[in-house]
């Protein structure tokens, strides 16, 4: 039973770290695209796309939960 729990915890930790890496790379791509003419955001007001805001919110919530 204990071995199964260890495997489960390791798998969860691995998946969370992979998700963070994905979010960081997507965020970097977004900001580097923002510095060029082909930016994803609206050039009129410089707003972020809705999906980037929701990904960033999830990432920040997880980080604040870990710090508590």
N, C-alpha and C. Protein backbone atom coordinates (compact mmCIF):
# COMPACT_ATOMS: atom_id res chain seq x y z
N UNK A 1 0.83 -1.20 0.00
CA UNK A 1 0.00 0.00 0.00
C UNK A 1 0.88 1.26 0.00
N UNK A 2 1.89 1.23 0.84
CA UNK A 2 2.78 2.40 0.94
C UNK A 2 3.50 2.65 -0.39
N UNK A 3 3.91 1.59 -1.04
CA UNK A 3 4.61 1.72 -2.33
C UNK A 3 3.69 2.35 -3.38
N UNK A 4 2.43 1.96 -3.38
CA UNK A 4 1.47 2.55 -4.33
C UNK A 4 1.31 4.04 -4.09
N UNK A 5 1.27 4.44 -2.82
CA UNK A 5 1.13 5.87 -2.50
C UNK A 5 2.35 6.65 -2.95
N UNK A 6 3.54 6.07 -2.76
CA UNK A 6 4.77 6.75 -3.21
C UNK A 6 4.76 6.94 -4.71
N UNK A 7 4.35 5.92 -5.44
CA UNK A 7 4.29 6.01 -6.90
C UNK A 7 3.29 7.08 -7.32
N UNK A 8 2.16 7.12 -6.65
CA UNK A 8 1.12 8.11 -6.96
C UNK A 8 1.63 9.53 -6.70
N UNK A 9 2.28 9.72 -5.56
CA UNK A 9 2.82 11.05 -5.24
C UNK A 9 3.88 11.47 -6.24
N UNK A 10 4.74 10.56 -6.60
CA UNK A 10 5.78 10.86 -7.59
C UNK A 10 5.15 11.24 -8.93
N UNK A 11 4.14 10.49 -9.34
CA UNK A 11 3.47 10.77 -10.62
C UNK A 11 2.82 12.14 -10.59
N UNK A 12 2.13 12.47 -9.50
CA UNK A 12 1.50 13.79 -9.38
C UNK A 12 2.55 14.90 -9.44
N UNK A 13 3.64 14.72 -8.72
CA UNK A 13 4.71 15.73 -8.71
C UNK A 13 5.29 15.91 -10.12
N UNK A 14 5.49 14.80 -10.81
CA UNK A 14 6.04 14.85 -12.17
C UNK A 14 5.08 15.59 -13.11
N UNK A 15 3.78 15.28 -13.01
CA UNK A 15 2.80 15.93 -13.89
C UNK A 15 2.70 17.42 -13.61
N UNK A 16 2.72 17.80 -12.34
CA UNK A 16 2.65 19.22 -11.99
C UNK A 16 3.88 19.96 -12.51
N UNK A 17 5.05 19.36 -12.36
CA UNK A 17 6.26 20.03 -12.85
C UNK A 17 6.23 20.15 -14.38
N UNK A 18 5.72 19.14 -15.08
CA UNK A 18 5.59 19.22 -16.54
C UNK A 18 4.62 20.34 -16.93
N UNK A 19 3.52 20.45 -16.19
CA UNK A 19 2.54 21.50 -16.48
C UNK A 19 3.16 22.88 -16.30
N UNK A 20 3.95 23.05 -15.25
CA UNK A 20 4.61 24.34 -15.02
C UNK A 20 5.56 24.67 -16.17
N UNK A 21 6.31 23.68 -16.61
CA UNK A 21 7.24 23.91 -17.73
C UNK A 21 6.46 24.32 -18.97
N UNK A 22 5.34 23.65 -19.22
CA UNK A 22 4.51 24.00 -20.38
C UNK A 22 3.98 25.42 -20.27
N UNK A 23 3.49 25.79 -19.08
CA UNK A 23 2.95 27.13 -18.89
C UNK A 23 4.02 28.19 -19.08
N UNK A 24 5.20 27.93 -18.54
CA UNK A 24 6.28 28.91 -18.67
C UNK A 24 6.68 29.07 -20.14
N UNK A 25 6.76 27.96 -20.87
CA UNK A 25 7.15 28.07 -22.28
C UNK A 25 6.07 28.77 -23.10
N UNK A 26 4.80 28.50 -22.80
CA UNK A 26 3.71 29.19 -23.50
C UNK A 26 3.76 30.67 -23.18
N UNK A 27 3.99 31.00 -21.92
CA UNK A 27 4.07 32.40 -21.51
C UNK A 27 5.24 33.11 -22.19
N UNK A 28 6.40 32.45 -22.26
CA UNK A 28 7.55 33.05 -22.94
C UNK A 28 7.26 33.28 -24.42
N UNK A 29 6.60 32.30 -25.03
CA UNK A 29 6.25 32.45 -26.44
C UNK A 29 5.30 33.62 -26.64
N UNK A 30 4.35 33.75 -25.72
CA UNK A 30 3.39 34.85 -25.81
C UNK A 30 4.10 36.20 -25.73
N UNK A 31 5.01 36.35 -24.75
CA UNK A 31 5.67 37.65 -24.58
C UNK A 31 6.64 37.93 -25.71
N UNK A 32 7.32 36.91 -26.23
CA UNK A 32 8.24 37.16 -27.35
C UNK A 32 7.43 37.50 -28.61
N UNK A 33 6.26 36.88 -28.75
CA UNK A 33 5.40 37.23 -29.90
C UNK A 33 4.86 38.65 -29.75
N UNK A 34 4.67 39.08 -28.51
CA UNK A 34 4.15 40.43 -28.26
C UNK A 34 5.13 41.51 -28.69
N UNK A 35 6.41 41.17 -28.77
CA UNK A 35 7.41 42.17 -29.15
C UNK A 35 7.54 42.32 -30.65
N UNK A 36 6.73 41.58 -31.41
CA UNK A 36 6.80 41.65 -32.87
C UNK A 36 5.43 42.04 -33.43
N UNK A 37 5.38 42.18 -34.73
CA UNK A 37 4.13 42.59 -35.38
C UNK A 37 3.07 41.50 -35.32
N UNK A 38 3.47 40.24 -35.20
CA UNK A 38 2.51 39.15 -35.22
C UNK A 38 2.04 38.78 -33.81
N UNK A 39 1.89 39.78 -32.95
CA UNK A 39 1.48 39.52 -31.57
C UNK A 39 0.07 38.95 -31.52
N UNK A 40 -0.19 38.17 -30.47
CA UNK A 40 -1.51 37.56 -30.30
C UNK A 40 -2.50 38.55 -29.74
N UNK A 41 -2.00 39.59 -29.12
CA UNK A 41 -2.90 40.51 -28.44
C UNK A 41 -3.44 41.57 -29.40
N UNK A 42 -4.43 42.25 -28.93
CA UNK A 42 -5.03 43.32 -29.72
C UNK A 42 -4.08 44.51 -29.74
N UNK A 43 -3.60 44.94 -30.90
CA UNK A 43 -2.62 46.03 -30.93
C UNK A 43 -3.21 47.36 -30.46
N UNK A 44 -4.54 47.48 -30.49
CA UNK A 44 -5.18 48.74 -30.08
C UNK A 44 -4.94 49.02 -28.59
N UNK A 45 -5.23 48.01 -27.76
CA UNK A 45 -5.12 48.26 -26.31
C UNK A 45 -4.10 47.35 -25.63
N UNK A 46 -3.42 46.49 -26.39
CA UNK A 46 -2.38 45.63 -25.82
C UNK A 46 -2.89 44.62 -24.82
N UNK A 47 -4.12 44.14 -25.00
CA UNK A 47 -4.69 43.20 -24.03
C UNK A 47 -4.21 41.78 -24.29
N UNK A 48 -4.15 40.98 -23.22
CA UNK A 48 -3.77 39.58 -23.36
C UNK A 48 -4.98 38.77 -23.82
N UNK A 49 -4.77 37.70 -24.55
CA UNK A 49 -5.89 36.82 -24.89
C UNK A 49 -6.45 36.15 -23.64
N UNK A 50 -7.72 35.81 -23.69
CA UNK A 50 -8.41 35.23 -22.52
C UNK A 50 -7.75 33.93 -22.07
N UNK A 51 -7.32 33.09 -23.01
CA UNK A 51 -6.74 31.81 -22.59
C UNK A 51 -5.41 32.01 -21.85
N UNK A 52 -4.65 33.02 -22.24
CA UNK A 52 -3.39 33.28 -21.53
C UNK A 52 -3.69 33.77 -20.11
N UNK A 53 -4.70 34.59 -19.96
CA UNK A 53 -5.06 35.07 -18.63
C UNK A 53 -5.47 33.92 -17.72
N UNK A 54 -6.27 32.99 -18.26
CA UNK A 54 -6.71 31.88 -17.42
C UNK A 54 -5.55 30.95 -17.06
N UNK A 55 -4.64 30.69 -18.00
CA UNK A 55 -3.46 29.87 -17.70
C UNK A 55 -2.60 30.54 -16.64
N UNK A 56 -2.41 31.85 -16.77
CA UNK A 56 -1.59 32.59 -15.82
C UNK A 56 -2.24 32.59 -14.44
N UNK A 57 -3.56 32.70 -14.40
CA UNK A 57 -4.28 32.68 -13.11
C UNK A 57 -4.11 31.33 -12.42
N UNK A 58 -4.23 30.24 -13.17
CA UNK A 58 -4.05 28.89 -12.60
C UNK A 58 -2.64 28.75 -12.06
N UNK A 59 -1.66 29.20 -12.81
CA UNK A 59 -0.27 29.09 -12.39
C UNK A 59 -0.03 29.87 -11.09
N UNK A 60 -0.56 31.09 -11.01
CA UNK A 60 -0.38 31.91 -9.81
C UNK A 60 -1.10 31.33 -8.61
N UNK A 61 -2.31 30.78 -8.81
CA UNK A 61 -3.03 30.16 -7.70
C UNK A 61 -2.25 28.99 -7.14
N UNK A 62 -1.68 28.19 -8.00
CA UNK A 62 -0.91 27.03 -7.55
C UNK A 62 0.33 27.48 -6.78
N UNK A 63 0.97 28.53 -7.26
CA UNK A 63 2.18 29.02 -6.60
C UNK A 63 1.84 29.58 -5.22
N UNK A 64 0.75 30.34 -5.11
CA UNK A 64 0.37 30.92 -3.81
C UNK A 64 -0.07 29.82 -2.84
N UNK A 65 -0.69 28.75 -3.36
CA UNK A 65 -1.10 27.64 -2.50
C UNK A 65 0.12 26.95 -1.91
N UNK A 66 1.18 26.79 -2.71
CA UNK A 66 2.40 26.14 -2.24
C UNK A 66 3.11 26.96 -1.17
N UNK A 67 3.04 28.30 -1.27
CA UNK A 67 3.75 29.17 -0.34
C UNK A 67 3.10 29.22 1.03
N UNK A 68 1.82 28.85 1.12
CA UNK A 68 1.10 28.92 2.41
C UNK A 68 1.57 27.88 3.39
